[in-house]
Amino acid sequence: MTNPVDGPLEQLVEQCVSELGLDLEALDLSKAGARRVLRVAVDADDGVSIDTIAETSRELSRALDATDVMGSQPYTLEVTSRGLDRPLTLPRHWRRNVGRLAKITLNDDSRLTGRIAAAHDDSVEVTVDGTSRQIPLADVATARIEAELKPPTTKDA
């Protein structure tokens, strides 16, 4: 069972991640037998490398070990990038994925797949079949990045 985390633990993780110039994208705590697993997902405008993940893990471990916020029960810390499979829910998610293909479901249940051409605070510009569409973010029910095996050609972008 996975549980969102709030309170002192969330504040500590948020502060540590922020000091590294990253955004906290997800934080949850779950049980795995006698242990707990603290999962932390981070992202940045220029993405996160494996070195950034390792540094974040080290810094979070130090911060967690310096406090009693996790209590005395053993735990495992897992730090990951946001990943392609997470939904696009914030303007920064759209901005960080300009140029990528997205599968979008609108509030009226219509669906479209298009390339993110531009992202703004309250809307996104998506190219669908060669036509540009401006979509208010308030009209988006769900959206996810579609994995592509090859980069887009100039005519696709």
Protein backbone atom coordinates (compact mmCIF):
# COMPACT_ATOMS: atom_id res chain seq x y z
CA MET A 1 0.00 0.00 0.00
CA THR A 2 1.35 3.41 -0.96
CA ASN A 3 0.59 6.51 1.05
CA PRO A 4 1.22 10.14 0.23
CA VAL A 5 3.38 11.85 2.81
CA ASP A 6 2.85 15.20 4.48
CA GLY A 7 3.97 17.02 7.60
CA PRO A 8 7.57 17.14 8.87
CA LEU A 9 8.82 14.38 6.56
CA GLU A 10 7.47 16.12 3.47
CA GLN A 11 8.94 19.44 4.63
CA LEU A 12 12.37 17.90 5.20
CA VAL A 13 12.43 16.15 1.82
CA GLU A 14 11.09 19.24 0.01
CA GLN A 15 13.77 21.45 1.58
CA CYS A 16 16.60 19.04 0.77
CA VAL A 17 15.45 18.54 -2.83
CA SER A 18 14.92 22.27 -3.33
CA GLU A 19 18.43 23.06 -2.07
CA LEU A 20 19.74 20.80 -4.84
CA GLY A 21 17.81 22.84 -7.43
CA LEU A 22 15.23 20.12 -8.03
CA ASP A 23 11.45 19.88 -7.85
CA LEU A 24 9.81 17.24 -5.68
CA GLU A 25 7.39 15.44 -7.99
CA ALA A 26 6.21 12.58 -5.78
CA LEU A 27 6.75 11.36 -2.25
CA ASP A 28 5.21 8.26 -0.75
CA LEU A 29 5.83 5.81 2.03
CA SER A 30 4.81 2.17 1.86
CA LYS A 31 5.34 -1.02 3.84
CA ALA A 32 7.49 -3.83 2.47
CA GLY A 33 7.43 -6.59 5.07
CA ALA A 34 9.11 -5.36 8.25
CA ARG A 35 10.61 -2.38 6.43
CA ARG A 36 9.16 0.78 5.00
CA VAL A 37 10.04 2.18 1.59
CA LEU A 38 10.28 5.94 1.12
CA ARG A 39 9.99 6.75 -2.58
CA VAL A 40 11.06 10.18 -3.80
CA ALA A 41 10.65 11.32 -7.42
CA VAL A 42 12.46 14.47 -8.55
CA ASP A 43 12.80 16.49 -11.74
CA ALA A 44 14.41 19.66 -13.07
CA ASP A 45 14.03 21.87 -16.13
CA ASP A 46 17.07 20.25 -17.76
CA GLY A 47 16.15 16.75 -16.58
CA VAL A 48 17.98 14.67 -14.00
CA SER A 49 21.00 12.46 -14.58
CA ILE A 50 21.99 9.32 -12.71
CA ASP A 51 24.62 11.44 -10.94
CA THR A 52 21.92 13.87 -9.80
CA ILE A 53 19.83 10.96 -8.50
CA ALA A 54 22.84 9.58 -6.60
CA GLU A 55 23.65 12.98 -5.08
CA THR A 56 20.02 13.49 -4.09
CA SER A 57 19.93 10.06 -2.46
CA ARG A 58 23.10 10.81 -0.45
CA GLU A 59 21.83 14.22 0.69
CA LEU A 60 18.40 12.89 1.62
CA SER A 61 19.99 10.01 3.56
CA ARG A 62 22.13 12.47 5.52
CA ALA A 63 19.15 14.71 6.25
CA LEU A 64 16.91 11.81 7.29
CA ASP A 65 19.63 10.26 9.48
CA ALA A 66 20.20 13.61 11.22
CA THR A 67 16.57 13.72 12.42
CA ASP A 68 14.07 11.29 13.92
CA VAL A 69 11.43 12.07 11.32
CA MET A 70 11.46 8.43 10.08
CA GLY A 71 11.33 7.00 13.60
CA SER A 72 13.21 3.85 14.62
CA GLN A 73 11.68 1.37 12.17
CA PRO A 74 14.06 0.41 9.31
CA TYR A 75 13.39 1.91 5.91
CA THR A 76 14.72 1.91 2.37
CA LEU A 77 15.11 5.15 0.45
CA GLU A 78 14.43 5.07 -3.30
CA VAL A 79 15.14 8.21 -5.35
CA THR A 80 14.08 8.30 -9.00
CA SER A 81 13.40 10.72 -11.81
CA ARG A 82 9.82 11.67 -12.55
CA GLY A 83 9.71 9.25 -15.47
CA LEU A 84 7.77 9.32 -18.73
CA ASP A 85 4.80 7.41 -17.38
CA ARG A 86 3.64 10.06 -14.92
CA PRO A 87 0.77 12.32 -15.97
CA LEU A 88 1.35 15.91 -17.06
CA THR A 89 -0.45 17.84 -14.33
CA LEU A 90 1.45 21.11 -13.89
CA PRO A 91 2.59 23.80 -16.34
CA ARG A 92 6.23 22.85 -15.65
CA HIS A 93 5.54 19.27 -16.80
CA TRP A 94 4.33 20.57 -20.17
CA ARG A 95 7.26 23.03 -20.44
CA ARG A 96 9.80 20.28 -19.75
CA ASN A 97 8.32 18.11 -22.48
CA VAL A 98 8.16 20.58 -25.38
CA GLY A 99 8.99 18.65 -28.54
CA ARG A 100 7.66 15.34 -27.23
CA LEU A 101 4.57 13.44 -28.31
CA ALA A 102 1.68 13.48 -25.82
CA LYS A 103 -1.55 11.52 -25.57
CA ILE A 104 -4.22 13.88 -24.23
CA THR A 105 -7.78 13.30 -23.02
CA LEU A 106 -9.89 16.43 -22.71
CA ASN A 107 -12.67 17.02 -20.19
CA ASP A 108 -15.27 16.36 -22.91
CA ASP A 109 -13.72 12.84 -23.30
CA SER A 110 -12.26 13.63 -26.72
CA ARG A 111 -8.75 12.25 -27.23
CA LEU A 112 -5.84 13.43 -29.29
CA THR A 113 -2.18 12.67 -29.79
CA GLY A 114 0.13 15.49 -30.77
CA ARG A 115 3.54 17.02 -30.34
CA ILE A 116 3.91 19.67 -27.64
CA ALA A 117 5.01 22.81 -29.48
CA ALA A 118 4.88 25.33 -26.63
CA ALA A 119 3.76 25.50 -23.02
CA HIS A 120 2.38 28.45 -21.09
CA ASP A 121 1.11 28.91 -17.54
CA ASP A 122 -2.50 28.26 -18.51
CA SER A 123 -2.39 26.60 -21.94
CA VAL A 124 -0.39 24.34 -24.20
CA GLU A 125 0.15 24.45 -27.95
CA VAL A 126 0.01 21.01 -29.53
CA THR A 127 0.61 20.09 -33.17
CA VAL A 128 -1.90 17.45 -34.27
CA ASP A 129 -1.65 16.12 -37.84
CA GLY A 130 0.25 19.24 -38.91
CA THR A 131 -2.28 21.64 -37.36
CA SER A 132 -1.51 23.73 -34.28
CA ARG A 133 -4.07 23.66 -31.46
CA GLN A 134 -4.06 25.89 -28.39
CA ILE A 135 -5.53 23.94 -25.47
CA PRO A 136 -6.32 25.52 -22.09
CA LEU A 137 -4.79 23.38 -19.34
CA ALA A 138 -8.14 23.58 -17.52
CA ASP A 139 -9.64 21.57 -20.43
CA VAL A 140 -7.15 18.68 -20.02
CA ALA A 141 -8.48 15.70 -18.06
CA THR A 142 -5.34 13.55 -18.44
CA ALA A 143 -2.14 13.68 -20.46
CA ARG A 144 0.94 11.48 -20.70
CA ILE A 145 4.06 11.45 -22.81
CA GLU A 146 4.14 8.78 -25.49
CA ALA A 147 7.43 6.90 -25.73
CA GLU A 148 9.00 7.17 -29.18
CA LEU A 149 11.56 4.80 -30.64
CA LYS A 150 13.06 7.42 -32.92
CA PRO A 151 13.34 11.19 -32.62
CA PRO A 152 10.88 13.32 -34.61
CA THR A 153 11.87 14.47 -38.06
CA THR A 154 11.62 18.15 -38.97
CA LYS A 155 8.25 17.59 -40.65
CA ASP A 156 6.90 15.86 -37.49
CA ALA A 157 7.90 18.67 -35.14
